[in-house]
Amino acid sequence: MAGNTLKTCPDICPANTVAAPPKEYLKAGMSRGPENPHASPYVPGMIKPPEPKVYPPGAPPRYLPQPTDSTSGDILGMGPIGPWAAGHLDWTPQAGTTGVRPVVDKYSITRYSTGEWRNHNLFMLTPRATDKAKHADATIKRDIKIANENLDKKQDETNSNLGKRVKDLGYWKKQVEQTLRAMDDEIELLDQDRSKLKGACRILNLPEAISKECLELRTNRYEPDLVRDDAEQELVKEVAIVGEIRRVFENTLAKVEEQMANNRAAKSAIESDWNDKMVALKVDKQCLSFTPESSLLLYHPGVARWPENASNLEYWLHYCAESIKNCDEVRQKSENLRGDLMTAIVKGGQDLKTQGDRTNAALAESVSTTEELRDKLEETLKDNLKTIADIENLISYLKDELRKLGERTKLNMTRLHARNYDRPNVENCRDEAQYALMAEAKFIKETTESFNGRMREAEAIRSELMKYRGDLEKEIASKRKSLNIDQDRLARVRAHMPKPEEFAGG
């Protein structure tokens, strides 16, 4: 139609031809990427179970204290241990493990010794006159009554606050005790798992020694069987997997040692907090039990003031909660690490068992193939021996025929000699008998030469068969040697391969 533009596909017929970017090819020395499927770092659990006949191609950890972790919320910005561990006053940000611990083990109450002070004032203000005495008597008694009532109120208020403080200290002491018991249990469990990991590291020496001994035994095979077969590949992979598992175990053990130090530091800090709370609770209970009639009351001049190292209530509450929180955080990291530790042990043992199954399967297949080849070689050797016997019989038969040809040759020669030299004069003629004897001599000579050629051919064939027999016997001996190594000696050695349960049990 008129006015309609021709629509074309922009991918096939672009309106504006743009030159395609030149193709880039790999230059000399450049790699297309890793071709080995095991080039990446080893991860427990990556080994797949063995497959029949078809051969397919084959946690720092977060769990370490973080620099941004808060220990107490103070302005010092301490490291993973926290500023509440007992330390020296010469703390520096580079230390990272100790801090200035605020002194919280001194508590006091404001107390006034009013009795003697009032008695002294009464003595100084009592007038010498009687009216003044009466007025003073009434006034002082009234003041004393009011003062005693106010003192009782203040003392009741103080006792109430002390009782409330004792309850708060008892609550936080109980929380600290629970945290401390949980940390004790965690340290004990982590120590047990560490012992299991060390035992797994010791047990790991056995499969490594077994794999290396199997590789060394297979080097004793004879020359034709020194091949890089699947069994050899699996044994080499088994040695590599043992090394990777050992690397994971050693890294995990280093993390466990570091976490154990953190656990003990957290336990020390929480024990210090618990000890401070026990002392403070004992002091406050003793203060709460005091009455004006107690026998342990003494004068302590100058105590009615705030100590220089006294903390406020908000900071004390923050410290109590933060101390428990820090200990719980360390304990949680320890629990996570224990989970990773047992996962590494279990997965490592399973991977080693899986690889052992793959190796045993490859060895069994190699043994089966070698047995089939040995049987075939023995059958071929029997056929070769039978063929040698047949060719020797043939040679013997050819010798008999040559001997018979010799007799015929002598007969023919005797006849020709007699007819050539014994017939006189004209009788020595070339008759039909003479021509027949000459033809017979020629045929006997040709037949003898043919038989001698066949004799040489048979002798060469027998020599070749004898050489082939020796080669077959060497091959059979080689296969029997390989079967003895793979089927007997390697089987006895690999029977001691540890099971995954032994790794988990430590």
Protein backbone atom coordinates (compact mmCIF):
# COMPACT_ATOMS: atom_id res chain seq x y z
CA MET A 1 0.00 0.00 0.00
CA ALA A 2 1.09 3.53 -0.67
CA GLY A 3 2.48 5.45 2.27
CA ASN A 4 3.43 2.33 4.23
CA THR A 5 7.10 1.83 4.92
CA LEU A 6 8.71 -1.54 4.46
CA LYS A 7 9.11 -3.23 7.84
CA THR A 8 12.31 -5.19 8.28
CA CYS A 9 13.78 -7.20 11.15
CA PRO A 10 16.41 -5.07 12.89
CA ASP A 11 18.41 -8.21 13.78
CA ILE A 12 18.55 -9.51 10.17
CA CYS A 13 18.35 -6.34 8.11
CA PRO A 14 19.37 -3.44 10.33
CA ALA A 15 18.62 -0.01 8.99
CA ASN A 16 22.01 1.33 9.99
CA THR A 17 24.77 -1.16 9.52
CA VAL A 18 27.01 -1.23 12.57
CA ALA A 19 30.27 -3.02 12.41
CA ALA A 20 30.29 -6.04 14.71
CA PRO A 21 32.95 -5.93 17.41
CA PRO A 22 35.94 -8.09 16.55
CA LYS A 23 35.98 -11.50 18.15
CA GLU A 24 38.52 -11.98 20.88
CA TYR A 25 40.48 -15.21 21.00
CA LEU A 26 42.63 -16.60 23.76
CA LYS A 27 46.25 -15.71 23.33
CA ALA A 28 49.17 -18.01 23.88
CA GLY A 29 49.54 -18.92 27.53
CA MET A 30 45.99 -17.93 28.46
CA SER A 31 43.74 -20.48 30.18
CA ARG A 32 40.07 -21.16 29.51
CA GLY A 33 39.53 -21.71 33.24
CA PRO A 34 40.11 -24.47 35.74
CA GLU A 35 39.76 -27.86 34.12
CA ASN A 36 40.34 -29.87 37.25
CA PRO A 37 37.05 -30.21 39.19
CA HIS A 38 39.07 -30.51 42.40
CA ALA A 39 41.11 -27.33 41.84
CA SER A 40 38.92 -25.38 44.21
CA PRO A 41 39.66 -25.58 47.93
CA TYR A 42 38.51 -28.72 49.63
CA VAL A 43 35.08 -28.48 51.43
CA PRO A 44 33.90 -31.34 53.63
CA GLY A 45 31.05 -33.16 52.01
CA MET A 46 32.04 -32.59 48.37
CA ILE A 47 33.08 -36.18 47.65
CA LYS A 48 30.36 -38.15 45.95
CA PRO A 49 29.66 -41.82 46.46
CA PRO A 50 31.18 -44.26 43.98
CA GLU A 51 29.29 -44.88 40.78
CA PRO A 52 29.14 -48.24 39.01
CA LYS A 53 31.40 -48.78 35.99
CA VAL A 54 30.67 -45.34 34.50
CA TYR A 55 33.37 -43.02 35.75
CA PRO A 56 32.01 -39.51 36.24
CA PRO A 57 34.43 -36.66 36.81
CA GLY A 58 34.79 -36.62 40.12
CA ALA A 59 33.77 -22.40 58.45
CA PRO A 60 37.43 -16.97 60.47
CA PRO A 61 35.77 -17.97 60.79
CA ARG A 62 32.81 -16.01 61.81
CA TYR A 63 33.06 -17.68 64.83
CA LEU A 64 36.22 -15.44 65.98
CA PRO A 65 35.53 -12.22 68.37
CA GLN A 66 34.79 -9.24 66.11
CA PRO A 67 36.50 -5.81 66.48
CA THR A 68 33.07 -4.14 66.44
CA ASP A 69 31.69 -6.27 69.27
CA SER A 70 30.61 -4.14 72.28
CA THR A 71 31.67 -5.34 75.69
CA SER A 72 30.29 -2.80 78.11
CA GLY A 73 29.27 0.21 76.09
CA ASP A 74 31.96 2.35 77.67
CA ILE A 75 33.78 5.03 75.73
CA LEU A 76 37.00 3.04 75.63
CA GLY A 77 35.80 0.71 72.88
CA MET A 78 37.47 -2.38 74.26
CA GLY A 79 38.18 -5.65 72.49
CA PRO A 80 36.37 -9.00 72.74
CA ILE A 81 37.24 -9.61 76.37
CA GLY A 82 35.55 -6.48 77.74
CA PRO A 83 36.73 -3.75 80.08
CA TRP A 84 35.46 -5.51 83.18
CA ALA A 85 38.28 -7.99 83.61
CA ALA A 86 40.66 -7.21 86.42
CA GLY A 87 43.63 -5.30 85.00
CA HIS A 88 46.16 -2.59 85.63
CA LEU A 89 45.60 1.10 85.34
CA ASP A 90 48.07 1.37 82.49
CA TRP A 91 45.55 0.18 79.85
CA THR A 92 46.18 1.14 76.22
CA PRO A 93 43.93 0.64 73.19
CA GLN A 94 46.62 -1.68 71.78
CA ALA A 95 46.22 -4.16 74.63
CA GLY A 96 42.73 -5.21 73.61
CA THR A 97 42.35 -7.69 76.44
CA THR A 98 42.31 -5.71 79.70
CA GLY A 99 40.65 -2.53 80.86
CA VAL A 100 40.08 -0.33 83.82
CA ARG A 101 37.66 -2.10 86.12
CA PRO A 102 35.53 0.41 88.09
CA VAL A 103 35.61 -0.20 91.78
CA VAL A 104 32.15 -1.25 92.91
CA ASP A 105 32.93 -3.11 96.13
CA LYS A 106 32.63 -0.10 98.47
CA TYR A 107 29.18 0.97 99.59
CA SER A 108 28.29 3.31 102.39
CA ILE A 109 25.27 4.94 104.02
CA THR A 110 25.10 8.47 105.38
CA ARG A 111 24.83 8.18 109.14
CA TYR A 112 24.99 10.86 111.81
CA SER A 113 25.91 10.42 115.44
CA THR A 114 23.22 12.75 116.79
CA GLY A 115 22.89 11.50 120.34
CA GLU A 116 26.11 12.81 121.77
CA TRP A 117 26.00 15.88 119.54
CA ARG A 118 22.51 16.77 120.95
CA ASN A 119 23.68 16.07 124.45
CA HIS A 120 26.59 18.43 123.90
CA ASN A 121 24.25 21.15 122.54
CA LEU A 122 21.85 20.65 125.47
CA PHE A 123 24.71 21.17 127.85
CA MET A 124 25.85 24.30 126.03
CA LEU A 125 22.37 25.92 125.62
CA THR A 126 20.78 25.16 128.99
CA PRO A 127 20.39 28.51 130.82
CA ARG A 128 21.27 28.82 134.46
CA ALA A 129 17.94 30.36 135.35
CA THR A 130 14.92 28.26 136.39
CA ASP A 131 12.46 29.73 133.90
CA LYS A 132 14.90 29.28 131.20
CA ALA A 133 15.37 25.75 132.41
CA LYS A 134 11.63 25.09 132.36
CA HIS A 135 11.27 26.65 128.92
CA ALA A 136 14.26 24.78 127.69
CA ASP A 137 12.95 21.58 129.20
CA ALA A 138 9.66 21.85 127.36
CA THR A 139 11.26 22.99 124.13
CA ILE A 140 13.97 20.37 124.13
CA LYS A 141 11.58 17.54 124.92
CA ARG A 142 9.32 18.66 122.10
CA ASP A 143 12.26 18.93 119.72
CA ILE A 144 13.59 15.57 120.81
CA LYS A 145 10.22 13.96 120.20
CA ILE A 146 9.97 15.51 116.74
CA ALA A 147 13.56 14.61 115.99
CA ASN A 148 13.05 11.02 117.10
CA GLU A 149 9.95 10.72 114.95
CA ASN A 150 11.86 12.13 111.95
CA LEU A 151 14.82 9.87 112.68
CA ASP A 152 12.54 6.85 112.79
CA LYS A 153 11.01 7.84 109.46
CA LYS A 154 14.45 8.34 107.89
CA GLN A 155 15.66 5.06 109.30
CA ASP A 156 12.58 3.23 108.01
CA GLU A 157 13.12 4.81 104.62
CA THR A 158 16.78 3.79 104.67
CA ASN A 159 15.88 0.24 105.71
CA SER A 160 13.29 0.08 102.92
CA ASN A 161 15.86 1.22 100.34
CA LEU A 162 18.42 -1.21 101.74
CA GLY A 163 15.88 -4.03 101.51
CA LYS A 164 15.09 -3.13 97.92
CA ARG A 165 18.81 -2.98 97.16
CA VAL A 166 19.30 -6.43 98.70
CA LYS A 167 16.54 -7.80 96.48
CA ASP A 168 18.11 -6.22 93.36
CA LEU A 169 21.53 -7.59 94.28
CA GLY A 170 20.02 -11.02 94.94
CA TYR A 171 18.30 -11.00 91.54
CA TRP A 172 21.42 -10.02 89.64
CA LYS A 173 23.55 -12.42 91.67
CA LYS A 174 21.21 -15.24 90.65
CA GLN A 175 21.43 -14.18 87.00
CA VAL A 176 25.23 -14.07 87.19
CA GLU A 177 25.30 -17.51 88.85
CA GLN A 178 23.17 -18.98 86.06
CA THR A 179 25.44 -17.42 83.43
CA LEU A 180 28.51 -18.69 85.28
CA ARG A 181 27.13 -22.25 85.47
CA ALA A 182 26.25 -22.15 81.76
CA MET A 183 29.78 -20.98 80.95
CA ASP A 184 31.27 -23.75 83.13
CA ASP A 185 29.18 -26.34 81.28
CA GLU A 186 30.16 -24.85 77.91
CA ILE A 187 33.87 -24.92 78.80
CA GLU A 188 33.56 -28.56 79.82
CA LEU A 189 31.68 -29.50 76.63
CA LEU A 190 34.14 -27.60 74.45
CA ASP A 191 37.03 -29.33 76.19
CA GLN A 192 35.42 -32.72 75.51
CA ASP A 193 34.89 -31.85 71.83
CA ARG A 194 38.48 -30.59 71.64
CA SER A 195 39.65 -33.97 72.94
CA LYS A 196 37.53 -35.65 70.25
CA LEU A 197 39.09 -33.44 67.59
CA LYS A 198 42.60 -34.22 68.80
CA GLY A 199 41.72 -37.92 68.77
CA ALA A 200 40.38 -37.57 65.21
CA CYS A 201 43.66 -35.91 64.19
CA ARG A 202 45.58 -38.86 65.64
CA ILE A 203 43.28 -41.39 63.97
CA LEU A 204 43.77 -39.55 60.67
CA ASN A 205 47.39 -40.76 60.59
CA LEU A 206 46.16 -44.33 60.04
CA PRO A 207 44.26 -43.86 56.74
CA GLU A 208 47.09 -41.68 55.45
CA ALA A 209 49.64 -44.40 56.22
CA ILE A 210 47.35 -47.04 54.66
CA SER A 211 46.89 -45.05 51.44
CA LYS A 212 50.62 -44.35 51.11
CA GLU A 213 51.49 -47.98 51.80
CA CYS A 214 49.00 -49.09 49.14
CA LEU A 215 50.61 -46.74 46.63
CA GLU A 216 54.05 -48.04 47.58
CA LEU A 217 52.94 -51.68 47.29
CA ARG A 218 51.55 -51.05 43.81
CA THR A 219 54.99 -49.83 42.69
CA ASN A 220 56.15 -53.45 43.05
CA ARG A 221 54.06 -54.49 40.06
CA TYR A 222 55.95 -55.69 36.99
CA GLU A 223 56.63 -53.41 34.06
CA PRO A 224 53.53 -54.09 31.90
CA ASP A 225 51.18 -53.36 34.83
CA LEU A 226 52.76 -50.10 36.01
CA VAL A 227 49.83 -48.07 34.70
CA ARG A 228 48.00 -45.04 36.06
CA ASP A 229 44.68 -46.86 36.35
CA ASP A 230 41.54 -45.80 38.20
CA ALA A 231 42.67 -47.52 41.39
CA GLU A 232 45.90 -45.53 41.31
CA GLN A 233 43.95 -42.32 40.72
CA GLU A 234 41.61 -43.02 43.64
CA LEU A 235 44.52 -43.85 45.96
CA VAL A 236 46.23 -40.56 45.07
CA LYS A 237 42.94 -38.73 45.62
CA GLU A 238 42.55 -40.52 48.96
CA VAL A 239 45.95 -39.24 50.12
CA ALA A 240 44.96 -35.71 49.01
CA ILE A 241 41.62 -35.92 50.83
CA VAL A 242 43.36 -37.03 54.03
CA GLY A 243 45.59 -33.96 53.75
CA GLU A 244 42.59 -31.68 53.22
CA ILE A 245 40.75 -33.19 56.17
CA ARG A 246 43.84 -32.72 58.35
CA ARG A 247 44.02 -29.07 57.26
CA VAL A 248 40.37 -28.54 58.24
CA PHE A 249 40.93 -30.33 61.57
CA GLU A 250 44.01 -28.23 62.37
CA ASN A 251 42.25 -24.96 61.48
CA THR A 252 39.25 -25.95 63.59
CA LEU A 253 41.53 -26.94 66.47
CA ALA A 254 43.22 -23.51 66.33
CA LYS A 255 39.80 -21.86 66.48
CA VAL A 256 38.83 -24.08 69.43
CA GLU A 257 41.99 -23.12 71.33
CA GLU A 258 41.29 -19.46 70.74
CA GLN A 259 37.64 -19.85 71.75
CA MET A 260 38.69 -21.75 74.87
CA ALA A 261 40.86 -18.78 75.88
CA ASN A 262 37.92 -16.44 75.26
CA ASN A 263 35.62 -18.69 77.32
CA ARG A 264 38.03 -18.70 80.25
CA ALA A 265 38.46 -14.93 80.05
CA ALA A 266 34.67 -14.48 80.01
CA LYS A 267 34.37 -16.88 82.94
CA SER A 268 37.02 -14.94 84.86
CA ALA A 269 35.17 -11.67 84.21
CA ILE A 270 31.79 -13.08 85.27
CA GLU A 271 33.37 -14.69 88.35
CA SER A 272 34.82 -11.32 89.31
CA ASP A 273 31.38 -9.75 88.89
CA TRP A 274 29.82 -12.56 90.96
CA ASN A 275 32.43 -12.09 93.70
CA ASP A 276 31.75 -8.33 93.80
CA LYS A 277 28.03 -8.92 94.05
CA MET A 278 28.51 -11.46 96.83
CA VAL A 279 30.60 -8.98 98.83
CA ALA A 280 28.13 -6.14 98.18
CA LEU A 281 25.16 -8.37 99.11
CA LYS A 282 26.87 -9.43 102.34
CA VAL A 283 27.61 -5.79 103.22
CA ASP A 284 24.04 -4.62 102.48
CA LYS A 285 22.49 -7.51 104.44
CA GLN A 286 24.71 -6.69 107.37
CA CYS A 287 23.77 -3.01 107.13
CA LEU A 288 20.09 -3.96 106.95
CA SER A 289 20.42 -6.05 110.11
CA PHE A 290 21.96 -3.19 112.12
CA THR A 291 19.80 -1.36 114.72
CA PRO A 292 20.71 1.44 117.13
CA GLU A 293 21.01 -1.22 119.82
CA SER A 294 23.57 -3.31 117.84
CA SER A 295 26.87 -3.95 119.58
CA LEU A 296 29.04 -3.44 116.46
CA LEU A 297 28.31 0.24 115.98
CA LEU A 298 31.31 2.56 115.88
CA TYR A 299 32.06 6.12 114.97
CA HIS A 300 33.52 6.60 111.47
CA PRO A 301 34.27 10.29 110.99
CA GLY A 302 34.25 11.61 107.41
CA VAL A 303 32.15 8.84 105.83
CA ALA A 304 29.20 11.12 105.05
CA ARG A 305 30.45 11.82 101.50
CA TRP A 306 30.42 10.22 98.04
CA PRO A 307 33.48 8.03 97.31
CA GLU A 308 35.57 9.07 94.34
CA ASN A 309 35.15 5.67 92.65
CA ALA A 310 31.41 5.40 93.25
CA SER A 311 29.24 4.70 90.18
CA ASN A 312 25.69 5.83 89.58
CA LEU A 313 22.70 3.50 89.53
CA GLU A 314 22.19 3.70 85.76
CA TYR A 315 25.76 2.68 85.11
CA TRP A 316 25.48 -0.18 87.61
CA LEU A 317 22.37 -1.55 85.89
CA HIS A 318 24.05 -1.20 82.49
CA TYR A 319 27.16 -2.97 83.77
CA CYS A 320 25.19 -5.89 85.24
CA ALA A 321 23.22 -6.46 82.03
CA GLU A 322 26.23 -5.93 79.78
CA SER A 323 28.44 -8.33 81.77
CA ILE A 324 25.88 -11.14 81.39
CA LYS A 325 25.32 -10.25 77.73
CA ASN A 326 29.04 -10.39 76.95
CA CYS A 327 29.38 -13.79 78.61
CA ASP A 328 26.31 -15.11 76.76
CA GLU A 329 27.73 -13.87 73.44
CA VAL A 330 31.01 -15.68 74.03
CA ARG A 331 29.13 -18.83 75.09
CA GLN A 332 26.94 -18.67 71.95
CA LYS A 333 30.03 -18.41 69.75
CA SER A 334 31.48 -21.40 71.57
CA GLU A 335 28.28 -23.41 70.98
CA ASN A 336 28.36 -22.52 67.27
CA LEU A 337 32.01 -23.52 67.07
CA ARG A 338 31.23 -26.85 68.73
CA GLY A 339 28.60 -27.46 66.08
CA ASP A 340 31.11 -26.67 63.33
CA LEU A 341 33.68 -28.89 65.03
CA MET A 342 31.41 -31.92 65.16
CA THR A 343 30.27 -31.24 61.59
CA ALA A 344 33.90 -31.21 60.44
CA ILE A 345 34.62 -34.48 62.25
CA VAL A 346 31.48 -36.26 61.04
CA LYS A 347 31.66 -34.95 57.47
CA GLY A 348 35.40 -35.62 57.30
CA GLY A 349 34.92 -39.21 58.45
CA GLN A 350 32.07 -39.69 55.98
CA ASP A 351 34.12 -38.23 53.13
CA LEU A 352 37.03 -40.50 53.98
CA LYS A 353 34.67 -43.49 54.10
CA THR A 354 33.14 -42.49 50.75
CA GLN A 355 36.55 -42.10 49.16
CA GLY A 356 37.59 -45.43 50.67
CA ASP A 357 34.55 -47.05 49.04
CA ARG A 358 35.49 -45.45 45.72
CA THR A 359 39.05 -46.72 46.07
CA ASN A 360 37.89 -50.22 47.03
CA ALA A 361 35.49 -50.26 44.09
CA ALA A 362 38.28 -49.19 41.71
CA LEU A 363 40.60 -51.83 43.18
CA ALA A 364 37.89 -54.49 42.85
CA GLU A 365 37.30 -53.52 39.25
CA SER A 366 41.04 -53.58 38.55
CA VAL A 367 41.28 -57.02 40.16
CA SER A 368 38.32 -58.30 38.15
CA THR A 369 39.74 -56.96 34.90
CA THR A 370 43.19 -58.39 35.66
CA GLU A 371 41.68 -61.79 36.49
CA GLU A 372 39.80 -61.83 33.19
CA LEU A 373 42.99 -60.88 31.36
CA ARG A 374 44.96 -63.53 33.24
CA ASP A 375 42.40 -66.21 32.35
CA LYS A 376 42.46 -65.10 28.74
CA LEU A 377 46.26 -65.15 28.69
CA GLU A 378 46.30 -68.63 30.21
CA GLU A 379 43.82 -69.81 27.62
CA THR A 380 45.93 -68.21 24.90
CA LEU A 381 49.03 -69.91 26.35
CA LYS A 382 47.28 -73.29 26.18
CA ASP A 383 46.35 -72.67 22.56
CA ASN A 384 49.91 -71.57 21.86
CA LEU A 385 51.34 -74.73 23.43
CA LYS A 386 48.95 -76.84 21.38
CA THR A 387 49.99 -74.94 18.26
CA ILE A 388 53.67 -75.50 19.10
CA ALA A 389 52.99 -79.21 19.48
CA ASP A 390 51.18 -79.25 16.14
CA ILE A 391 53.99 -77.38 14.35
CA GLU A 392 56.57 -79.74 15.87
CA ASN A 393 54.55 -82.69 14.62
CA LEU A 394 54.44 -81.01 11.23
CA ILE A 395 58.23 -80.56 11.25
CA SER A 396 58.64 -84.21 12.19
CA TYR A 397 56.30 -85.17 9.37
CA LEU A 398 58.29 -82.98 6.93
CA LYS A 399 61.51 -84.67 8.06
CA ASP A 400 59.97 -88.08 7.38
CA GLU A 401 58.88 -86.93 3.93
CA LEU A 402 62.34 -85.56 3.20
CA ARG A 403 63.84 -88.86 4.26
CA LYS A 404 61.47 -90.66 1.91
CA LEU A 405 62.44 -88.21 -0.87
CA GLY A 406 66.05 -89.11 -0.16
CA GLU A 407 65.27 -92.75 -0.74
CA ARG A 408 63.52 -91.89 -4.00
CA THR A 409 66.49 -89.70 -5.00
CA LYS A 410 68.92 -92.54 -4.41
CA LEU A 411 66.71 -94.90 -6.43
CA ASN A 412 66.53 -92.45 -9.32
CA MET A 413 70.22 -91.71 -9.27
CA THR A 414 71.12 -95.42 -9.12
CA ARG A 415 68.96 -96.12 -12.17
CA LEU A 416 70.39 -93.21 -14.13
CA HIS A 417 73.95 -94.19 -13.21
CA ALA A 418 73.39 -97.74 -14.32
CA ARG A 419 71.76 -96.75 -17.63
CA ASN A 420 74.36 -94.07 -18.39
CA TYR A 421 77.52 -96.05 -17.71
CA ASP A 422 76.59 -99.72 -17.83
CA ARG A 423 74.81 -99.93 -21.23
CA PRO A 424 77.28 -100.63 -24.09
CA ASN A 425 77.66 -98.79 -27.39
CA VAL A 426 74.49 -98.09 -29.26
CA GLU A 427 72.32 -99.43 -26.48
CA ASN A 428 73.06 -96.32 -24.51
CA CYS A 429 70.27 -94.46 -26.23
CA ARG A 430 67.84 -91.77 -25.16
CA ASP A 431 64.76 -93.84 -24.93
CA GLU A 432 61.48 -93.13 -23.24
CA ALA A 433 62.69 -94.70 -20.00
CA GLN A 434 65.71 -92.37 -20.01
CA TYR A 435 63.48 -89.33 -20.49
CA ALA A 436 61.18 -90.56 -17.69
CA LEU A 437 64.12 -90.98 -15.31
CA MET A 438 65.38 -87.47 -16.12
CA ALA A 439 61.90 -86.00 -15.54
CA GLU A 440 61.62 -87.96 -12.31
CA ALA A 441 64.99 -86.60 -11.12
CA LYS A 442 63.89 -83.06 -11.89
CA PHE A 443 60.57 -83.50 -10.06
CA ILE A 444 62.27 -85.09 -7.03
CA LYS A 445 64.75 -82.20 -6.85
CA GLU A 446 61.99 -79.59 -7.06
CA THR A 447 59.91 -81.40 -4.43
CA THR A 448 62.92 -81.65 -2.10
CA GLU A 449 63.63 -77.94 -2.44
CA SER A 450 59.96 -77.19 -1.77
CA PHE A 451 59.95 -79.39 1.34
CA ASN A 452 63.15 -77.78 2.59
CA GLY A 453 61.53 -74.36 2.17
CA ARG A 454 58.48 -75.50 4.07
CA MET A 455 60.79 -76.92 6.74
CA ARG A 456 62.52 -73.53 7.16
CA GLU A 457 59.12 -71.83 7.29
CA ALA A 458 57.89 -74.26 9.96
CA GLU A 459 61.09 -73.77 11.97
CA ALA A 460 60.62 -69.97 11.86
CA ILE A 461 57.00 -70.34 12.93
CA ARG A 462 58.04 -72.58 15.83
CA SER A 463 60.66 -70.02 16.94
CA GLU A 464 58.04 -67.28 16.82
CA LEU A 465 55.62 -69.43 18.79
CA MET A 466 58.30 -70.19 21.39
CA LYS A 467 59.01 -66.45 21.77
CA TYR A 468 55.27 -65.76 22.03
CA ARG A 469 55.04 -68.48 24.68
CA GLY A 470 57.71 -66.75 26.75
CA ASP A 471 55.93 -63.42 26.40
CA LEU A 472 52.66 -64.99 27.50
CA GLU A 473 54.29 -66.61 30.52
CA LYS A 474 55.83 -63.26 31.52
CA GLU A 475 52.49 -61.53 31.13
CA ILE A 476 50.74 -64.20 33.21
CA ALA A 477 53.39 -63.86 35.93
CA SER A 478 52.95 -60.08 35.83
CA LYS A 479 49.18 -60.38 36.19
CA ARG A 480 49.53 -62.86 39.04
CA LYS A 481 51.91 -60.46 40.79
CA SER A 482 49.45 -57.58 40.31
CA LEU A 483 46.59 -59.73 41.60
CA ASN A 484 48.65 -60.73 44.62
CA ILE A 485 49.26 -57.05 45.41
CA ASP A 486 45.77 -55.66 44.68
CA GLN A 487 43.70 -58.61 45.87
CA ASP A 488 45.70 -59.96 48.80
CA ARG A 489 48.19 -57.50 50.25
CA LEU A 490 46.17 -54.31 49.68
CA ALA A 491 43.03 -55.98 51.03
CA ARG A 492 44.79 -56.89 54.28
CA VAL A 493 46.17 -53.38 54.64
CA ARG A 494 42.90 -51.60 53.84
CA ALA A 495 40.98 -53.79 56.28
CA HIS A 496 42.37 -51.54 59.04
CA MET A 497 40.85 -48.36 57.54
CA PRO A 498 39.07 -46.49 60.39
CA LYS A 499 35.30 -46.00 60.30
CA PRO A 500 33.47 -42.63 60.66
CA GLU A 501 32.27 -43.69 64.14
CA GLU A 502 35.87 -43.87 65.31
CA PHE A 503 36.45 -40.25 64.23
CA ALA A 504 33.30 -39.07 66.02
CA GLY A 505 34.24 -40.98 69.16
CA GLY A 506 37.69 -39.36 69.28
